[in-house]
């Protein structure tokens, strides 16, 4: 009888997980925005470090962005 009760509890947990998944999707969108801000900060640092190779670095970064997006 104890085993049967445990099985019922597991089924209830599965229903709760479905509701949580919707909340997680909203959180992921917020995280993506934060990541974009971080990328911009990193770009500024790269520009300051290597001013001589500006054009080459720009082209490489644009290619990386296309792959990530």
PDB file of N, CA and C in Angstrom:
ATOM      1  N   UNK A   1       0.831  -1.221   0.000  1.00  0.00           N
ATOM      2  CA  UNK A   1       0.000   0.000   0.000  1.00  0.00           C
ATOM      3  C   UNK A   1       0.869   1.278   0.000  1.00  0.00           C
ATOM      4  N   UNK A   2       1.952   1.199   0.684  1.00  0.00           N
ATOM      5  CA  UNK A   2       2.847   2.379   0.727  1.00  0.00           C
ATOM      6  C   UNK A   2       3.355   2.689  -0.679  1.00  0.00           C
ATOM      7  N   UNK A   3       3.692   1.665  -1.441  1.00  0.00           N
ATOM      8  CA  UNK A   3       4.212   1.867  -2.801  1.00  0.00           C
ATOM      9  C   UNK A   3       3.164   2.547  -3.679  1.00  0.00           C
ATOM     10  N   UNK A   4       1.928   2.140  -3.545  1.00  0.00           N
ATOM     11  CA  UNK A   4       0.858   2.748  -4.362  1.00  0.00           C
ATOM     12  C   UNK A   4       0.730   4.238  -4.040  1.00  0.00           C
ATOM     13  N   UNK A   5       0.808   4.585  -2.778  1.00  0.00           N
ATOM     14  CA  UNK A   5       0.716   5.997  -2.378  1.00  0.00           C
ATOM     15  C   UNK A   5       1.856   6.797  -3.014  1.00  0.00           C
ATOM     16  N   UNK A   6       3.049   6.265  -3.026  1.00  0.00           N
ATOM     17  CA  UNK A   6       4.205   6.954  -3.612  1.00  0.00           C
ATOM     18  C   UNK A   6       3.967   7.208  -5.098  1.00  0.00           C
ATOM     19  N   UNK A   7       3.408   6.252  -5.797  1.00  0.00           N
ATOM     20  CA  UNK A   7       3.156   6.409  -7.235  1.00  0.00           C
ATOM     21  C   UNK A   7       2.195   7.571  -7.483  1.00  0.00           C
ATOM     22  N   UNK A   8       1.190   7.696  -6.662  1.00  0.00           N
ATOM     23  CA  UNK A   8       0.220   8.794  -6.820  1.00  0.00           C
ATOM     24  C   UNK A   8       0.931  10.140  -6.621  1.00  0.00           C
ATOM     25  N   UNK A   9       1.794  10.210  -5.650  1.00  0.00           N
ATOM     26  CA  UNK A   9       2.533  11.454  -5.390  1.00  0.00           C
ATOM     27  C   UNK A   9       3.376  11.826  -6.606  1.00  0.00           C
ATOM     28  N   UNK A  10       4.014  10.892  -7.241  1.00  0.00           N
ATOM     29  CA  UNK A  10       4.848  11.152  -8.421  1.00  0.00           C
ATOM     30  C   UNK A  10       4.015  11.757  -9.543  1.00  0.00           C
ATOM     31  N   UNK A  11       2.820  11.267  -9.741  1.00  0.00           N
ATOM     32  CA  UNK A  11       1.952  11.805 -10.808  1.00  0.00           C
ATOM     33  C   UNK A  11       1.634  13.277 -10.543  1.00  0.00           C
ATOM     34  N   UNK A  12       1.385  13.625  -9.307  1.00  0.00           N
ATOM     35  CA  UNK A  12       1.092  15.021  -8.953  1.00  0.00           C
ATOM     36  C   UNK A  12       2.310  15.900  -9.244  1.00  0.00           C
ATOM     37  N   UNK A  13       3.488  15.406  -8.948  1.00  0.00           N
ATOM     38  CA  UNK A  13       4.715  16.177  -9.190  1.00  0.00           C
ATOM     39  C   UNK A  13       4.859  16.483 -10.679  1.00  0.00           C
ATOM     40  N   UNK A  14       4.537  15.549 -11.529  1.00  0.00           N
ATOM     41  CA  UNK A  14       4.658  15.758 -12.980  1.00  0.00           C
ATOM     42  C   UNK A  14       3.778  16.928 -13.426  1.00  0.00           C
ATOM     43  N   UNK A  15       2.590  17.030 -12.887  1.00  0.00           N
ATOM     44  CA  UNK A  15       1.693  18.144 -13.252  1.00  0.00           C
ATOM     45  C   UNK A  15       2.308  19.474 -12.825  1.00  0.00           C
ATOM     46  N   UNK A  16       2.909  19.498 -11.655  1.00  0.00           N
ATOM     47  CA  UNK A  16       3.557  20.734 -11.163  1.00  0.00           C
ATOM     48  C   UNK A  16       4.709  21.126 -12.084  1.00  0.00           C
ATOM     49  N   UNK A  17       5.473  20.178 -12.556  1.00  0.00           N
ATOM     50  CA  UNK A  17       6.622  20.460 -13.421  1.00  0.00           C
ATOM     51  C   UNK A  17       6.175  21.168 -14.696  1.00  0.00           C
ATOM     52  N   UNK A  18       5.046  20.800 -15.239  1.00  0.00           N
ATOM     53  CA  UNK A  18       4.549  21.441 -16.469  1.00  0.00           C
ATOM     54  C   UNK A  18       4.311  22.931 -16.232  1.00  0.00           C
ATOM     55  N   UNK A  19       3.772  23.278 -15.093  1.00  0.00           N
ATOM     56  CA  UNK A  19       3.545  24.691 -14.770  1.00  0.00           C
ATOM     57  C   UNK A  19       4.884  25.426 -14.627  1.00  0.00           C
ATOM     58  N   UNK A  20       5.851  24.768 -14.010  1.00  0.00           N
ATOM     59  CA  UNK A  20       7.174  25.385 -13.802  1.00  0.00           C
ATOM     60  C   UNK A  20       7.853  25.668 -15.146  1.00  0.00           C
ATOM     61  N   UNK A  21       7.675  24.811 -16.116  1.00  0.00           N
ATOM     62  CA  UNK A  21       8.319  24.992 -17.427  1.00  0.00           C
ATOM     63  C   UNK A  21       7.912  26.327 -18.053  1.00  0.00           C
ATOM     64  N   UNK A  22       6.675  26.713 -17.921  1.00  0.00           N
ATOM     65  CA  UNK A  22       6.224  27.999 -18.488  1.00  0.00           C
ATOM     66  C   UNK A  22       6.959  29.160 -17.813  1.00  0.00           C
ATOM     67  N   UNK A  23       7.140  29.074 -16.518  1.00  0.00           N
ATOM     68  CA  UNK A  23       7.855  30.129 -15.787  1.00  0.00           C
ATOM     69  C   UNK A  23       9.323  30.181 -16.237  1.00  0.00           C
ATOM     70  N   UNK A  24       9.920  29.031 -16.444  1.00  0.00           N
ATOM     71  CA  UNK A  24      11.325  28.967 -16.857  1.00  0.00           C
ATOM     72  C   UNK A  24      11.523  29.671 -18.201  1.00  0.00           C
ATOM     73  N   UNK A  25      10.598  29.529 -19.113  1.00  0.00           N
ATOM     74  CA  UNK A  25      10.718  30.172 -20.432  1.00  0.00           C
ATOM     75  C   UNK A  25      10.826  31.687 -20.277  1.00  0.00           C
ATOM     76  N   UNK A  26      10.042  32.261 -19.402  1.00  0.00           N
ATOM     77  CA  UNK A  26      10.101  33.708 -19.172  1.00  0.00           C
ATOM     78  C   UNK A  26      11.471  34.096 -18.611  1.00  0.00           C
ATOM     79  N   UNK A  27      11.984  33.292 -17.696  1.00  0.00           N
ATOM     80  CA  UNK A  27      13.293  33.576 -17.098  1.00  0.00           C
ATOM     81  C   UNK A  27      14.384  33.528 -18.164  1.00  0.00           C
ATOM     82  N   UNK A  28      14.293  32.578 -19.073  1.00  0.00           N
ATOM     83  CA  UNK A  28      15.313  32.440 -20.128  1.00  0.00           C
ATOM     84  C   UNK A  28      15.366  33.703 -20.987  1.00  0.00           C
ATOM     85  N   UNK A  29      14.237  34.285 -21.301  1.00  0.00           N
ATOM     86  CA  UNK A  29      14.215  35.511 -22.118  1.00  0.00           C
ATOM     87  C   UNK A  29      14.960  36.635 -21.399  1.00  0.00           C
ATOM     88  N   UNK A  30      14.749  36.751 -20.108  1.00  0.00           N
ATOM     89  CA  UNK A  30      15.437  37.792 -19.327  1.00  0.00           C
ATOM     90  C   UNK A  30      16.950  37.545 -19.352  1.00  0.00           C
ATOM     91  N   UNK A  31      17.349  36.299 -19.219  1.00  0.00           N
ATOM     92  CA  UNK A  31      18.781  35.962 -19.218  1.00  0.00           C
ATOM     93  C   UNK A  31      19.417  36.339 -20.542  1.00  0.00           C
ATOM     94  N   UNK A  32      18.728  36.128 -21.636  1.00  0.00           N
ATOM     95  CA  UNK A  32      19.279  36.454 -22.963  1.00  0.00           C
ATOM     96  C   UNK A  32      19.579  37.955 -23.051  1.00  0.00           C
ATOM     97  N   UNK A  33      18.706  38.776 -22.543  1.00  0.00           N
ATOM     98  CA  UNK A  33      18.936  40.227 -22.568  1.00  0.00           C
ATOM     99  C   UNK A  33      20.192  40.576 -21.770  1.00  0.00           C
ATOM    100  N   UNK A  34      20.358  39.938 -20.634  1.00  0.00           N
ATOM    101  CA  UNK A  34      21.540  40.198 -19.794  1.00  0.00           C
ATOM    102  C   UNK A  34      22.812  39.796 -20.539  1.00  0.00           C
ATOM    103  N   UNK A  35      22.762  38.682 -21.222  1.00  0.00           N
ATOM    104  CA  UNK A  35      23.938  38.201 -21.959  1.00  0.00           C
ATOM    105  C   UNK A  35      24.343  39.209 -23.034  1.00  0.00           C
ATOM    106  N   UNK A  36      23.389  39.800 -23.710  1.00  0.00           N
ATOM    107  CA  UNK A  36      23.698  40.786 -24.754  1.00  0.00           C
ATOM    108  C   UNK A  36      24.426  41.983 -24.151  1.00  0.00           C
ATOM    109  N   UNK A  37      23.990  42.423 -22.991  1.00  0.00           N
ATOM    110  CA  UNK A  37      24.645  43.560 -22.320  1.00  0.00           C
ATOM    111  C   UNK A  37      26.094  43.195 -21.985  1.00  0.00           C
ATOM    112  N   UNK A  38      26.298  41.982 -21.509  1.00  0.00           N
ATOM    113  CA  UNK A  38      27.657  41.534 -21.162  1.00  0.00           C
ATOM    114  C   UNK A  38      28.539  41.525 -22.402  1.00  0.00           C
ATOM    115  N   UNK A  39      28.003  41.082 -23.523  1.00  0.00           N
ATOM    116  CA  UNK A  39      28.783  41.033 -24.769  1.00  0.00           C
ATOM    117  C   UNK A  39      29.255  42.428 -25.165  1.00  0.00           C
ATOM    118  N   UNK A  40      28.394  43.413 -25.035  1.00  0.00           N
ATOM    119  CA  UNK A  40      28.771  44.783 -25.395  1.00  0.00           C
ATOM    120  C   UNK A  40      29.930  45.267 -24.519  1.00  0.00           C
ATOM    121  N   UNK A  41      29.870  44.945 -23.239  1.00  0.00           N
ATOM    122  CA  UNK A  41      30.950  45.346 -22.325  1.00  0.00           C
ATOM    123  C   UNK A  41      32.267  44.681 -22.742  1.00  0.00           C
ATOM    124  N   UNK A  42      32.206  43.423 -23.103  1.00  0.00           N
ATOM    125  CA  UNK A  42      33.408  42.693 -23.525  1.00  0.00           C
ATOM    126  C   UNK A  42      33.987  43.317 -24.788  1.00  0.00           C
ATOM    127  N   UNK A  43      33.137  43.708 -25.703  1.00  0.00           N
ATOM    128  CA  UNK A  43      33.603  44.326 -26.965  1.00  0.00           C
ATOM    129  C   UNK A  43      34.384  45.601 -26.677  1.00  0.00           C
ATOM    130  N   UNK A  44      33.888  46.420 -25.788  1.00  0.00           N
ATOM    131  CA  UNK A  44      34.580  47.671 -25.445  1.00  0.00           C
ATOM    132  C   UNK A  44      35.982  47.366 -24.912  1.00  0.00           C
ATOM    133  N   UNK A  45      36.085  46.352 -24.084  1.00  0.00           N
ATOM    134  CA  UNK A  45      37.395  45.982 -23.519  1.00  0.00           C
ATOM    135  C   UNK A  45      38.340  45.548 -24.641  1.00  0.00           C
ATOM    136  N   UNK A  46      37.841  44.779 -25.583  1.00  0.00           N
ATOM    137  CA  UNK A  46      38.674  44.287 -26.688  1.00  0.00           C
ATOM    138  C   UNK A  46      39.174  45.463 -27.534  1.00  0.00           C
ATOM    139  N   UNK A  47      38.308  46.413 -27.783  1.00  0.00           N
ATOM    140  CA  UNK A  47      38.691  47.578 -28.596  1.00  0.00           C
ATOM    141  C   UNK A  47      39.820  48.364 -27.920  1.00  0.00           C
ATOM    142  N   UNK A  48      39.735  48.516 -26.632  1.00  0.00           N
ATOM    143  CA  UNK A  48      40.759  49.270 -25.894  1.00  0.00           C
ATOM    144  C   UNK A  48      42.100  48.532 -25.930  1.00  0.00           C
ATOM    145  N   UNK A  49      42.053  47.224 -25.844  1.00  0.00           N
ATOM    146  CA  UNK A  49      43.298  46.438 -25.795  1.00  0.00           C
ATOM    147  C   UNK A  49      44.022  46.442 -27.132  1.00  0.00           C
ATOM    148  N   UNK A  50      43.281  46.190 -28.229  1.00  0.00           N
ATOM    149  CA  UNK A  50      43.942  46.064 -29.538  1.00  0.00           C
ATOM    150  C   UNK A  50      43.365  47.082 -30.529  1.00  0.00           C
ATOM    151  N   UNK A  51      43.884  48.280 -30.525  1.00  0.00           N
ATOM    152  CA  UNK A  51      43.399  49.324 -31.433  1.00  0.00           C
ATOM    153  C   UNK A  51      43.943  49.117 -32.850  1.00  0.00           C
ATOM    154  N   UNK A  52      45.111  48.542 -32.992  1.00  0.00           N
ATOM    155  CA  UNK A  52      45.733  48.355 -34.308  1.00  0.00           C
ATOM    156  C   UNK A  52      44.935  47.385 -35.176  1.00  0.00           C
ATOM    157  N   UNK A  53      44.414  46.321 -34.557  1.00  0.00           N
ATOM    158  CA  UNK A  53      43.685  45.302 -35.324  1.00  0.00           C
ATOM    159  C   UNK A  53      42.174  45.482 -35.179  1.00  0.00           C
ATOM    160  N   UNK A  54      41.702  46.726 -35.240  1.00  0.00           N
ATOM    161  CA  UNK A  54      40.289  47.029 -35.035  1.00  0.00           C
ATOM    162  C   UNK A  54      39.394  46.360 -36.088  1.00  0.00           C
ATOM    163  N   UNK A  55      39.697  46.573 -37.359  1.00  0.00           N
ATOM    164  CA  UNK A  55      38.832  46.082 -38.441  1.00  0.00           C
ATOM    165  C   UNK A  55      38.745  44.552 -38.437  1.00  0.00           C
ATOM    166  N   UNK A  56      39.859  43.906 -38.277  1.00  0.00           N
ATOM    167  CA  UNK A  56      39.876  42.432 -38.265  1.00  0.00           C
ATOM    168  C   UNK A  56      39.055  41.894 -37.093  1.00  0.00           C
ATOM    169  N   UNK A  57      39.210  42.487 -35.945  1.00  0.00           N
ATOM    170  CA  UNK A  57      38.460  42.044 -34.742  1.00  0.00           C
ATOM    171  C   UNK A  57      36.965  42.244 -34.965  1.00  0.00           C
ATOM    172  N   UNK A  58      36.575  43.366 -35.549  1.00  0.00           N
ATOM    173  CA  UNK A  58      35.156  43.644 -35.793  1.00  0.00           C
ATOM    174  C   UNK A  58      34.544  42.546 -36.663  1.00  0.00           C
ATOM    175  N   UNK A  59      35.200  42.193 -37.732  1.00  0.00           N
ATOM    176  CA  UNK A  59      34.680  41.158 -38.636  1.00  0.00           C
ATOM    177  C   UNK A  59      34.538  39.812 -37.911  1.00  0.00           C
ATOM    178  N   UNK A  60      35.522  39.470 -37.116  1.00  0.00           N
ATOM    179  CA  UNK A  60      35.465  38.198 -36.371  1.00  0.00           C
ATOM    180  C   UNK A  60      34.295  38.195 -35.381  1.00  0.00           C
ATOM    181  N   UNK A  61      34.119  39.289 -34.696  1.00  0.00           N
ATOM    182  CA  UNK A  61      33.040  39.374 -33.701  1.00  0.00           C
ATOM    183  C   UNK A  61      31.670  39.296 -34.368  1.00  0.00           C
ATOM    184  N   UNK A  62      31.520  39.919 -35.510  1.00  0.00           N
ATOM    185  CA  UNK A  62      30.231  39.858 -36.216  1.00  0.00           C
ATOM    186  C   UNK A  62      29.905  38.421 -36.607  1.00  0.00           C
ATOM    187  N   UNK A  63      30.880  37.689 -37.065  1.00  0.00           N
ATOM    188  CA  UNK A  63      30.662  36.276 -37.419  1.00  0.00           C
ATOM    189  C   UNK A  63      30.261  35.459 -36.191  1.00  0.00           C
ATOM    190  N   UNK A  64      30.899  35.719 -35.079  1.00  0.00           N
ATOM    191  CA  UNK A  64      30.572  35.001 -33.837  1.00  0.00           C
ATOM    192  C   UNK A  64      29.139  35.290 -33.396  1.00  0.00           C
ATOM    193  N   UNK A  65      28.714  36.518 -33.542  1.00  0.00           N
ATOM    194  CA  UNK A  65      27.345  36.889 -33.152  1.00  0.00           C
ATOM    195  C   UNK A  65      26.319  36.152 -34.005  1.00  0.00           C
ATOM    196  N   UNK A  66      26.568  36.046 -35.286  1.00  0.00           N
ATOM    197  CA  UNK A  66      25.635  35.340 -36.170  1.00  0.00           C
ATOM    198  C   UNK A  66      25.499  33.873 -35.755  1.00  0.00           C
ATOM    199  N   UNK A  67      26.600  33.262 -35.376  1.00  0.00           N
ATOM    200  CA  UNK A  67      26.547  31.857 -34.944  1.00  0.00           C
ATOM    201  C   UNK A  67      25.777  31.708 -33.628  1.00  0.00           C
ATOM    202  N   UNK A  68      26.007  32.617 -32.699  1.00  0.00           N
ATOM    203  CA  UNK A  68      25.351  32.508 -31.391  1.00  0.00           C
ATOM    204  C   UNK A  68      23.849  32.822 -31.473  1.00  0.00           C
ATOM    205  N   UNK A  69      23.460  33.726 -32.345  1.00  0.00           N
ATOM    206  CA  UNK A  69      22.045  34.106 -32.437  1.00  0.00           C
ATOM    207  C   UNK A  69      21.234  33.147 -33.272  1.00  0.00           C
TER     208      UNK A  69
END
